[in-house]
């Protein structure tokens, strides 16, 4: 509510084509949009950087540094911030690598890939451990989210072919 006095009702506003929450008094439309998650797959030599989550959801599982973007930041800035918060790491020349759409939960993931600056990393405020892994060392059964598994699988396949193209996937 913008005015603070009316109840919100779901209806199709004039000039629109779908149900929205609309204030019964001031007619303000309250849009609900997907949340954007930005993250980065960082590598040093043949190893990739993973962080073990110290927070929910999926406490104790391994992930690529990623999280919800903040207002006022670009996607790449959000990914870099998350890398620092979770792994005290900085990606070098990160480039967009994967776009995942999860309409069921209202999220869009933008995953970048880039070299780990000077191979330096540490345990950030949202992690209990951070480590570099060779492909065969990845704790596949202890990855936090399907997007992490899909990103890593694609990365290793692309690395074997020597080409890294942006890919997009719809997860239902």
N, C-alpha and C. Protein backbone atom coordinates (compact mmCIF):
# COMPACT_ATOMS: atom_id res chain seq x y z
N UNK A 1 0.84 -1.19 0.00
CA UNK A 1 0.00 0.00 0.00
C UNK A 1 0.88 1.24 0.00
N UNK A 2 0.64 2.13 -0.91
CA UNK A 2 1.32 3.42 -0.94
C UNK A 2 0.69 4.38 0.05
N UNK A 3 -0.64 4.37 0.10
CA UNK A 3 -1.36 5.29 0.97
C UNK A 3 -1.47 4.76 2.40
N UNK A 4 -1.36 3.45 2.54
CA UNK A 4 -1.43 2.84 3.85
C UNK A 4 -2.82 2.64 4.39
N UNK A 5 -3.83 2.97 3.62
CA UNK A 5 -5.18 2.85 4.16
C UNK A 5 -6.04 1.79 3.49
N UNK A 6 -5.71 1.42 2.27
CA UNK A 6 -6.55 0.47 1.54
C UNK A 6 -6.04 -0.95 1.62
N UNK A 7 -6.94 -1.87 1.38
CA UNK A 7 -6.58 -3.28 1.29
C UNK A 7 -6.10 -3.58 -0.12
N UNK A 8 -5.25 -4.57 -0.25
CA UNK A 8 -4.78 -4.99 -1.57
C UNK A 8 -5.70 -6.08 -2.11
N UNK A 9 -6.11 -5.90 -3.36
CA UNK A 9 -6.96 -6.88 -4.02
C UNK A 9 -6.31 -7.28 -5.33
N UNK A 10 -6.42 -8.55 -5.66
CA UNK A 10 -5.86 -9.03 -6.92
C UNK A 10 -6.88 -8.84 -8.01
N UNK A 11 -6.46 -8.12 -9.07
CA UNK A 11 -7.33 -7.92 -10.24
C UNK A 11 -6.46 -7.49 -11.41
N UNK A 12 -7.04 -7.50 -12.58
CA UNK A 12 -6.33 -7.04 -13.78
C UNK A 12 -6.57 -5.54 -13.91
N UNK A 13 -5.51 -4.73 -13.73
CA UNK A 13 -5.68 -3.29 -13.87
C UNK A 13 -5.95 -2.89 -15.33
N UNK A 14 -6.58 -1.75 -15.52
CA UNK A 14 -6.84 -1.25 -16.87
C UNK A 14 -5.52 -1.11 -17.62
N UNK A 15 -5.50 -1.61 -18.85
CA UNK A 15 -4.31 -1.53 -19.69
C UNK A 15 -3.30 -2.64 -19.43
N UNK A 16 -3.64 -3.57 -18.55
CA UNK A 16 -2.74 -4.67 -18.24
C UNK A 16 -3.37 -5.97 -18.74
N UNK A 17 -2.68 -7.09 -18.57
CA UNK A 17 -3.23 -8.35 -19.05
C UNK A 17 -3.12 -9.49 -18.04
N UNK A 18 -2.78 -9.16 -16.78
CA UNK A 18 -2.67 -10.20 -15.77
C UNK A 18 -3.02 -9.66 -14.40
N UNK A 19 -3.36 -10.58 -13.50
CA UNK A 19 -3.70 -10.19 -12.13
C UNK A 19 -2.52 -9.51 -11.45
N UNK A 20 -2.81 -8.43 -10.76
CA UNK A 20 -1.83 -7.69 -9.95
C UNK A 20 -2.49 -7.34 -8.62
N UNK A 21 -1.68 -7.06 -7.62
CA UNK A 21 -2.22 -6.54 -6.37
C UNK A 21 -2.41 -5.04 -6.53
N UNK A 22 -3.64 -4.56 -6.27
CA UNK A 22 -3.99 -3.15 -6.44
C UNK A 22 -4.61 -2.65 -5.14
N UNK A 23 -4.19 -1.48 -4.71
CA UNK A 23 -4.74 -0.87 -3.50
C UNK A 23 -6.19 -0.42 -3.79
N UNK A 24 -7.09 -0.77 -2.89
CA UNK A 24 -8.50 -0.45 -3.09
C UNK A 24 -8.78 1.05 -2.93
N UNK A 25 -7.89 1.80 -2.26
CA UNK A 25 -8.12 3.23 -2.07
C UNK A 25 -7.39 4.10 -3.10
N UNK A 26 -6.07 3.92 -3.22
CA UNK A 26 -5.30 4.83 -4.09
C UNK A 26 -5.03 4.25 -5.48
N UNK A 27 -5.42 2.98 -5.71
CA UNK A 27 -5.26 2.32 -7.02
C UNK A 27 -3.80 2.05 -7.41
N UNK A 28 -2.87 2.17 -6.46
CA UNK A 28 -1.48 1.86 -6.76
C UNK A 28 -1.36 0.37 -7.08
N UNK A 29 -0.65 0.07 -8.16
CA UNK A 29 -0.42 -1.31 -8.57
C UNK A 29 0.88 -1.77 -7.91
N UNK A 30 0.84 -2.91 -7.27
CA UNK A 30 2.02 -3.47 -6.60
C UNK A 30 2.52 -4.65 -7.42
N UNK A 31 3.53 -4.39 -8.25
CA UNK A 31 4.09 -5.42 -9.12
C UNK A 31 4.96 -6.37 -8.31
N UNK A 32 4.93 -7.62 -8.68
CA UNK A 32 5.81 -8.62 -8.10
C UNK A 32 6.67 -9.17 -9.23
N UNK A 33 7.98 -9.01 -9.08
CA UNK A 33 8.90 -9.41 -10.12
C UNK A 33 9.90 -10.44 -9.59
N UNK A 34 10.53 -11.19 -10.49
CA UNK A 34 11.50 -12.19 -10.04
C UNK A 34 12.68 -11.53 -9.33
N UNK A 35 13.29 -12.30 -8.45
CA UNK A 35 14.53 -11.87 -7.79
C UNK A 35 15.69 -12.35 -8.66
N UNK A 36 16.73 -11.53 -8.74
CA UNK A 36 17.90 -11.86 -9.54
C UNK A 36 19.04 -12.28 -8.63
N UNK A 37 19.60 -13.44 -8.93
CA UNK A 37 20.76 -13.97 -8.22
C UNK A 37 21.95 -13.85 -9.16
N UNK A 38 23.06 -13.31 -8.65
CA UNK A 38 24.28 -13.19 -9.44
C UNK A 38 25.41 -13.91 -8.73
N UNK A 39 26.21 -14.61 -9.50
CA UNK A 39 27.32 -15.34 -8.91
C UNK A 39 28.42 -15.59 -9.93
N UNK A 40 29.46 -16.28 -9.47
CA UNK A 40 30.61 -16.48 -10.35
C UNK A 40 31.29 -17.81 -10.09
N UNK A 41 31.61 -18.50 -11.17
CA UNK A 41 32.47 -19.66 -11.14
C UNK A 41 33.88 -19.13 -11.38
N UNK A 42 34.70 -19.22 -10.34
CA UNK A 42 36.09 -18.75 -10.47
C UNK A 42 37.02 -19.95 -10.51
N UNK A 43 38.07 -19.83 -11.30
CA UNK A 43 39.01 -20.93 -11.43
C UNK A 43 40.43 -20.40 -11.28
N UNK A 44 41.29 -21.30 -10.84
CA UNK A 44 42.73 -21.01 -10.73
C UNK A 44 43.44 -22.24 -11.27
N UNK A 45 44.09 -22.07 -12.42
CA UNK A 45 44.66 -23.23 -13.08
C UNK A 45 43.54 -24.16 -13.49
N UNK A 46 43.63 -25.42 -13.10
CA UNK A 46 42.60 -26.40 -13.46
C UNK A 46 41.56 -26.58 -12.35
N UNK A 47 41.65 -25.79 -11.29
CA UNK A 47 40.74 -25.96 -10.15
C UNK A 47 39.68 -24.87 -10.12
N UNK A 48 38.52 -25.22 -9.55
CA UNK A 48 37.44 -24.24 -9.37
C UNK A 48 37.23 -24.00 -7.88
N UNK A 49 36.74 -22.80 -7.58
CA UNK A 49 36.54 -22.37 -6.19
C UNK A 49 35.11 -22.65 -5.75
N UNK A 50 34.96 -23.33 -4.62
CA UNK A 50 33.66 -23.58 -4.02
C UNK A 50 33.70 -23.12 -2.56
N UNK A 51 32.54 -22.72 -2.07
CA UNK A 51 32.40 -22.30 -0.68
C UNK A 51 31.36 -23.19 0.00
N UNK A 52 31.63 -23.58 1.24
CA UNK A 52 30.67 -24.37 2.03
C UNK A 52 29.79 -23.39 2.80
N UNK A 53 28.49 -23.50 2.60
CA UNK A 53 27.53 -22.56 3.20
C UNK A 53 27.46 -22.69 4.72
N UNK A 54 27.49 -21.54 5.40
CA UNK A 54 27.32 -21.54 6.85
C UNK A 54 25.96 -20.96 7.24
N UNK A 55 25.11 -20.77 6.24
CA UNK A 55 23.77 -20.24 6.46
C UNK A 55 22.75 -21.09 5.70
N UNK A 56 21.50 -20.97 6.09
CA UNK A 56 20.42 -21.62 5.35
C UNK A 56 20.05 -20.72 4.17
N UNK A 57 19.51 -21.24 3.11
CA UNK A 57 19.22 -22.65 2.92
C UNK A 57 20.47 -23.45 2.55
N UNK A 58 20.39 -24.73 2.79
CA UNK A 58 21.43 -25.71 2.42
C UNK A 58 22.73 -25.52 3.21
N UNK A 59 22.59 -25.21 4.49
CA UNK A 59 23.73 -25.07 5.40
C UNK A 59 24.62 -26.31 5.29
N UNK A 60 25.93 -26.12 5.18
CA UNK A 60 26.88 -27.22 5.12
C UNK A 60 27.15 -27.78 3.75
N UNK A 61 26.40 -27.34 2.75
CA UNK A 61 26.61 -27.82 1.39
C UNK A 61 27.51 -26.84 0.62
N UNK A 62 28.13 -27.34 -0.44
CA UNK A 62 29.07 -26.55 -1.24
C UNK A 62 28.34 -25.81 -2.35
N UNK A 63 28.84 -24.63 -2.68
CA UNK A 63 28.21 -23.81 -3.70
C UNK A 63 29.24 -22.94 -4.41
N UNK A 64 28.83 -22.39 -5.52
CA UNK A 64 29.58 -21.31 -6.15
C UNK A 64 29.15 -20.03 -5.47
N UNK A 65 30.06 -19.09 -5.25
CA UNK A 65 29.66 -17.82 -4.61
C UNK A 65 28.57 -17.13 -5.45
N UNK A 66 27.42 -16.91 -4.83
CA UNK A 66 26.29 -16.28 -5.51
C UNK A 66 25.28 -15.82 -4.48
N UNK A 67 24.45 -14.85 -4.87
CA UNK A 67 23.40 -14.39 -3.99
C UNK A 67 22.55 -13.34 -4.66
N UNK A 68 21.54 -12.89 -3.94
CA UNK A 68 20.61 -11.91 -4.49
C UNK A 68 21.30 -10.57 -4.72
N UNK A 69 21.00 -9.98 -5.86
CA UNK A 69 21.51 -8.65 -6.17
C UNK A 69 20.86 -7.63 -5.24
N UNK A 70 21.56 -6.55 -5.01
CA UNK A 70 21.06 -5.44 -4.22
C UNK A 70 20.64 -4.32 -5.16
N UNK A 71 19.70 -3.50 -4.70
CA UNK A 71 19.31 -2.33 -5.49
C UNK A 71 20.53 -1.44 -5.70
N UNK A 72 20.63 -0.88 -6.88
CA UNK A 72 21.71 0.05 -7.18
C UNK A 72 22.99 -0.59 -7.66
N UNK A 73 23.02 -1.91 -7.82
CA UNK A 73 24.24 -2.53 -8.34
C UNK A 73 23.95 -3.25 -9.65
N UNK A 74 24.98 -3.32 -10.49
CA UNK A 74 24.85 -4.06 -11.74
C UNK A 74 24.99 -5.55 -11.44
N UNK A 75 24.64 -6.38 -12.41
CA UNK A 75 24.75 -7.82 -12.23
C UNK A 75 26.20 -8.22 -11.95
N UNK A 76 27.14 -7.68 -12.69
CA UNK A 76 28.54 -8.03 -12.50
C UNK A 76 29.05 -7.55 -11.14
N UNK A 77 28.57 -6.38 -10.71
CA UNK A 77 28.96 -5.89 -9.38
C UNK A 77 28.37 -6.77 -8.29
N UNK A 78 27.15 -7.24 -8.49
CA UNK A 78 26.53 -8.14 -7.52
C UNK A 78 27.29 -9.46 -7.42
N UNK A 79 27.69 -10.00 -8.57
CA UNK A 79 28.45 -11.25 -8.58
C UNK A 79 29.79 -11.06 -7.87
N UNK A 80 30.47 -9.96 -8.14
CA UNK A 80 31.77 -9.70 -7.51
C UNK A 80 31.60 -9.51 -6.00
N UNK A 81 30.55 -8.81 -5.59
CA UNK A 81 30.30 -8.61 -4.16
C UNK A 81 30.09 -9.95 -3.47
N UNK A 82 29.28 -10.81 -4.09
CA UNK A 82 29.03 -12.13 -3.50
C UNK A 82 30.31 -12.95 -3.40
N UNK A 83 31.18 -12.85 -4.40
CA UNK A 83 32.46 -13.56 -4.36
C UNK A 83 33.27 -13.11 -3.14
N UNK A 84 33.25 -11.83 -2.89
CA UNK A 84 33.99 -11.31 -1.73
C UNK A 84 33.32 -11.72 -0.42
N UNK A 85 32.00 -11.58 -0.34
CA UNK A 85 31.29 -11.93 0.90
C UNK A 85 31.45 -13.40 1.27
N UNK A 86 31.40 -14.28 0.29
CA UNK A 86 31.42 -15.70 0.58
C UNK A 86 32.80 -16.33 0.55
N UNK A 87 33.73 -15.76 -0.24
CA UNK A 87 35.02 -16.42 -0.43
C UNK A 87 36.21 -15.47 -0.40
N UNK A 88 36.01 -14.23 0.01
CA UNK A 88 37.10 -13.24 0.03
C UNK A 88 37.90 -13.29 -1.27
N UNK A 89 37.18 -13.46 -2.37
CA UNK A 89 37.80 -13.67 -3.67
C UNK A 89 37.35 -12.61 -4.67
N UNK A 90 38.20 -12.40 -5.67
CA UNK A 90 37.91 -11.44 -6.72
C UNK A 90 38.07 -12.12 -8.08
N UNK A 91 37.02 -12.09 -8.91
CA UNK A 91 37.16 -12.65 -10.26
C UNK A 91 37.87 -11.66 -11.18
N UNK A 92 38.73 -12.19 -12.05
CA UNK A 92 39.44 -11.37 -13.03
C UNK A 92 38.67 -11.43 -14.35
N UNK A 93 38.31 -10.27 -14.89
CA UNK A 93 37.60 -10.18 -16.16
C UNK A 93 36.45 -11.18 -16.28
N UNK A 94 35.53 -11.18 -15.33
CA UNK A 94 34.43 -12.13 -15.41
C UNK A 94 33.54 -11.87 -16.63
N UNK A 95 33.03 -12.94 -17.20
CA UNK A 95 32.12 -12.81 -18.34
C UNK A 95 30.88 -13.66 -18.07
N UNK A 96 29.76 -13.20 -18.60
CA UNK A 96 28.51 -13.94 -18.41
C UNK A 96 28.67 -15.33 -18.99
N UNK A 97 28.24 -16.33 -18.21
CA UNK A 97 28.41 -17.71 -18.62
C UNK A 97 27.08 -18.46 -18.71
N UNK A 98 26.17 -18.22 -17.76
CA UNK A 98 24.93 -18.98 -17.75
C UNK A 98 23.78 -18.12 -17.23
N UNK A 99 22.60 -18.35 -17.82
CA UNK A 99 21.37 -17.71 -17.37
C UNK A 99 20.38 -18.83 -17.09
N UNK A 100 19.89 -18.86 -15.85
CA UNK A 100 18.91 -19.86 -15.45
C UNK A 100 17.63 -19.14 -15.06
N UNK A 101 16.51 -19.58 -15.62
CA UNK A 101 15.20 -19.02 -15.26
C UNK A 101 14.47 -20.07 -14.44
N UNK A 102 14.01 -19.67 -13.25
CA UNK A 102 13.26 -20.55 -12.36
C UNK A 102 11.92 -19.90 -12.06
N UNK A 103 10.98 -19.93 -13.01
CA UNK A 103 9.70 -19.24 -12.82
C UNK A 103 8.90 -19.77 -11.63
N UNK A 104 9.07 -21.03 -11.28
CA UNK A 104 8.31 -21.61 -10.17
C UNK A 104 8.61 -20.91 -8.84
N UNK A 105 9.86 -20.47 -8.66
CA UNK A 105 10.23 -19.78 -7.42
C UNK A 105 10.50 -18.28 -7.65
N UNK A 106 10.28 -17.80 -8.87
CA UNK A 106 10.43 -16.38 -9.16
C UNK A 106 11.86 -15.89 -9.07
N UNK A 107 12.80 -16.66 -9.64
CA UNK A 107 14.21 -16.27 -9.61
C UNK A 107 14.85 -16.39 -10.99
N UNK A 108 15.83 -15.55 -11.23
CA UNK A 108 16.67 -15.61 -12.42
C UNK A 108 18.11 -15.58 -11.93
N UNK A 109 18.91 -16.54 -12.38
CA UNK A 109 20.32 -16.61 -12.01
C UNK A 109 21.19 -16.14 -13.16
N UNK A 110 22.15 -15.27 -12.87
CA UNK A 110 23.15 -14.84 -13.83
C UNK A 110 24.50 -15.30 -13.28
N UNK A 111 25.07 -16.31 -13.93
CA UNK A 111 26.34 -16.86 -13.46
C UNK A 111 27.46 -16.42 -14.40
N UNK A 112 28.49 -15.87 -13.83
CA UNK A 112 29.67 -15.43 -14.57
C UNK A 112 30.77 -16.46 -14.38
N UNK A 113 31.79 -16.37 -15.19
CA UNK A 113 32.98 -17.18 -14.99
C UNK A 113 34.19 -16.30 -15.19
N UNK A 114 35.21 -16.57 -14.40
CA UNK A 114 36.44 -15.77 -14.50
C UNK A 114 37.54 -16.36 -13.65
N UNK A 115 38.73 -15.95 -13.96
CA UNK A 115 39.90 -16.42 -13.23
C UNK A 115 39.91 -15.83 -11.82
N UNK A 116 40.39 -16.59 -10.87
CA UNK A 116 40.52 -16.15 -9.48
C UNK A 116 41.76 -15.27 -9.36
N UNK A 117 41.57 -14.02 -8.95
CA UNK A 117 42.68 -13.06 -8.86
C UNK A 117 43.78 -13.59 -7.95
N UNK A 118 44.95 -13.77 -8.51
CA UNK A 118 46.16 -14.19 -7.80
C UNK A 118 45.97 -15.48 -7.00
N UNK A 119 44.93 -16.24 -7.30
CA UNK A 119 44.68 -17.48 -6.59
C UNK A 119 44.34 -17.27 -5.12
N UNK A 120 43.93 -16.05 -4.77
CA UNK A 120 43.69 -15.71 -3.36
C UNK A 120 42.22 -15.84 -3.00
N UNK A 121 41.96 -16.45 -1.86
CA UNK A 121 40.61 -16.62 -1.36
C UNK A 121 40.68 -16.89 0.14
N UNK A 122 39.54 -16.87 0.78
CA UNK A 122 39.45 -17.15 2.21
C UNK A 122 38.02 -17.41 2.60
N UNK A 123 37.80 -17.66 3.86
CA UNK A 123 36.46 -17.94 4.36
C UNK A 123 35.75 -16.61 4.62
N UNK A 124 34.65 -16.40 3.89
CA UNK A 124 33.87 -15.18 4.05
C UNK A 124 32.80 -15.33 5.12
N UNK A 125 32.04 -14.27 5.32
CA UNK A 125 31.06 -14.21 6.40
C UNK A 125 29.90 -15.20 6.26
N UNK A 126 29.64 -15.72 5.06
CA UNK A 126 28.53 -16.64 4.87
C UNK A 126 29.01 -18.07 4.60
N UNK A 127 30.29 -18.33 4.87
CA UNK A 127 30.88 -19.64 4.57
C UNK A 127 31.60 -20.20 5.78
N UNK A 128 31.68 -21.54 5.83
CA UNK A 128 32.46 -22.19 6.88
C UNK A 128 33.76 -22.76 6.34
N UNK A 129 33.86 -22.85 5.01
CA UNK A 129 35.07 -23.36 4.38
C UNK A 129 35.05 -22.91 2.93
N UNK A 130 36.21 -22.73 2.35
CA UNK A 130 36.36 -22.37 0.95
C UNK A 130 37.57 -23.14 0.43
N UNK A 131 37.45 -23.73 -0.76
CA UNK A 131 38.55 -24.52 -1.29
C UNK A 131 38.53 -24.56 -2.81
N UNK A 132 39.70 -24.85 -3.37
CA UNK A 132 39.84 -25.09 -4.81
C UNK A 132 39.76 -26.60 -5.04
N UNK A 133 39.01 -26.98 -6.08
CA UNK A 133 38.79 -28.40 -6.38
C UNK A 133 39.13 -28.71 -7.83
N UNK A 134 39.82 -29.81 -8.04
CA UNK A 134 39.93 -30.40 -9.37
C UNK A 134 38.57 -31.01 -9.70
N UNK A 135 38.30 -31.22 -10.98
CA UNK A 135 37.01 -31.78 -11.38
C UNK A 135 36.68 -33.06 -10.64
N UNK A 136 37.64 -33.97 -10.53
CA UNK A 136 37.36 -35.26 -9.89
C UNK A 136 37.24 -35.15 -8.37
N UNK A 137 37.56 -34.00 -7.80
CA UNK A 137 37.46 -33.79 -6.35
C UNK A 137 36.16 -33.11 -5.93
N UNK A 138 35.37 -32.64 -6.90
CA UNK A 138 34.13 -31.91 -6.59
C UNK A 138 33.22 -32.80 -5.72
N UNK A 139 32.71 -32.28 -4.61
CA UNK A 139 31.77 -33.06 -3.79
C UNK A 139 30.36 -33.05 -4.40
N UNK A 140 30.20 -33.76 -5.51
CA UNK A 140 28.98 -33.73 -6.31
C UNK A 140 27.73 -34.04 -5.49
N UNK A 141 27.82 -34.93 -4.53
CA UNK A 141 26.66 -35.30 -3.71
C UNK A 141 26.37 -34.30 -2.60
N UNK A 142 27.22 -33.30 -2.49
CA UNK A 142 27.05 -32.30 -1.42
C UNK A 142 27.02 -30.88 -1.99
N UNK A 143 26.52 -30.75 -3.22
CA UNK A 143 26.35 -29.42 -3.80
C UNK A 143 25.01 -28.85 -3.36
N UNK A 144 24.98 -27.57 -3.08
CA UNK A 144 23.81 -26.94 -2.47
C UNK A 144 22.60 -26.85 -3.39
N UNK A 145 22.81 -26.57 -4.67
CA UNK A 145 21.69 -26.27 -5.56
C UNK A 145 21.91 -26.90 -6.93
N UNK A 146 20.84 -27.26 -7.63
CA UNK A 146 20.98 -27.83 -8.98
C UNK A 146 21.73 -26.90 -9.93
N UNK A 147 21.60 -25.60 -9.76
CA UNK A 147 22.29 -24.65 -10.65
C UNK A 147 23.80 -24.78 -10.52
N UNK A 148 24.27 -25.06 -9.32
CA UNK A 148 25.71 -25.25 -9.10
C UNK A 148 26.18 -26.47 -9.89
N UNK A 149 25.45 -27.56 -9.77
CA UNK A 149 25.80 -28.78 -10.50
C UNK A 149 25.78 -28.55 -12.00
N UNK A 150 24.74 -27.89 -12.50
CA UNK A 150 24.61 -27.65 -13.95
C UNK A 150 25.73 -26.73 -14.46
N UNK A 151 26.05 -25.71 -13.70
CA UNK A 151 27.11 -24.77 -14.11
C UNK A 151 28.45 -25.48 -14.15
N UNK A 152 28.77 -26.23 -13.11
CA UNK A 152 30.05 -26.95 -13.07
C UNK A 152 30.14 -27.99 -14.17
N UNK A 153 29.08 -28.76 -14.38
CA UNK A 153 29.09 -29.79 -15.43
C UNK A 153 29.35 -29.17 -16.79
N UNK A 154 28.66 -28.09 -17.08
CA UNK A 154 28.82 -27.40 -18.37
C UNK A 154 30.23 -26.82 -18.49
N UNK A 155 30.74 -26.23 -17.40
CA UNK A 155 32.07 -25.63 -17.41
C UNK A 155 33.14 -26.68 -17.75
N UNK A 156 33.08 -27.84 -17.10
CA UNK A 156 34.09 -28.86 -17.37
C UNK A 156 33.97 -29.40 -18.79
N UNK A 157 32.76 -29.53 -19.31
CA UNK A 157 32.58 -29.97 -20.70
C UNK A 157 33.11 -28.92 -21.66
N UNK A 158 32.80 -27.65 -21.39
CA UNK A 158 33.29 -26.56 -22.24
C UNK A 158 34.82 -26.47 -22.19
N UNK A 159 35.37 -26.65 -21.01
CA UNK A 159 36.83 -26.58 -20.87
C UNK A 159 37.49 -27.68 -21.69
N UNK A 160 36.89 -28.86 -21.71
CA UNK A 160 37.44 -29.98 -22.48
C UNK A 160 37.44 -29.68 -23.98
N UNK A 161 36.44 -28.89 -24.44
CA UNK A 161 36.34 -28.52 -25.85
C UNK A 161 37.07 -27.22 -26.16
N UNK A 162 37.44 -26.48 -25.13
CA UNK A 162 38.16 -25.23 -25.33
C UNK A 162 37.30 -24.06 -25.75
N UNK A 163 35.98 -24.17 -25.60
CA UNK A 163 35.08 -23.05 -25.94
C UNK A 163 34.09 -22.83 -24.80
N UNK A 164 33.87 -21.56 -24.49
CA UNK A 164 32.94 -21.19 -23.43
C UNK A 164 31.91 -20.23 -24.00
N UNK A 165 30.73 -20.76 -24.27
CA UNK A 165 29.65 -19.92 -24.79
C UNK A 165 28.58 -19.77 -23.74
N UNK A 166 27.94 -18.61 -23.72
CA UNK A 166 26.85 -18.37 -22.79
C UNK A 166 25.73 -19.35 -23.08
N UNK A 167 25.18 -19.94 -22.03
CA UNK A 167 24.04 -20.83 -22.23
C UNK A 167 22.91 -20.40 -21.32
N UNK A 168 21.70 -20.76 -21.74
CA UNK A 168 20.50 -20.43 -20.99
C UNK A 168 19.69 -21.69 -20.76
N UNK A 169 19.11 -21.78 -19.55
CA UNK A 169 18.35 -22.97 -19.23
C UNK A 169 17.11 -22.58 -18.41
N UNK A 170 16.01 -23.23 -18.75
CA UNK A 170 14.77 -23.06 -18.01
C UNK A 170 14.63 -24.25 -17.06
N UNK A 171 14.51 -23.96 -15.77
CA UNK A 171 14.32 -25.02 -14.78
C UNK A 171 12.91 -24.92 -14.22
N UNK A 172 12.14 -25.97 -14.40
CA UNK A 172 10.76 -25.94 -13.95
C UNK A 172 10.58 -26.66 -12.64
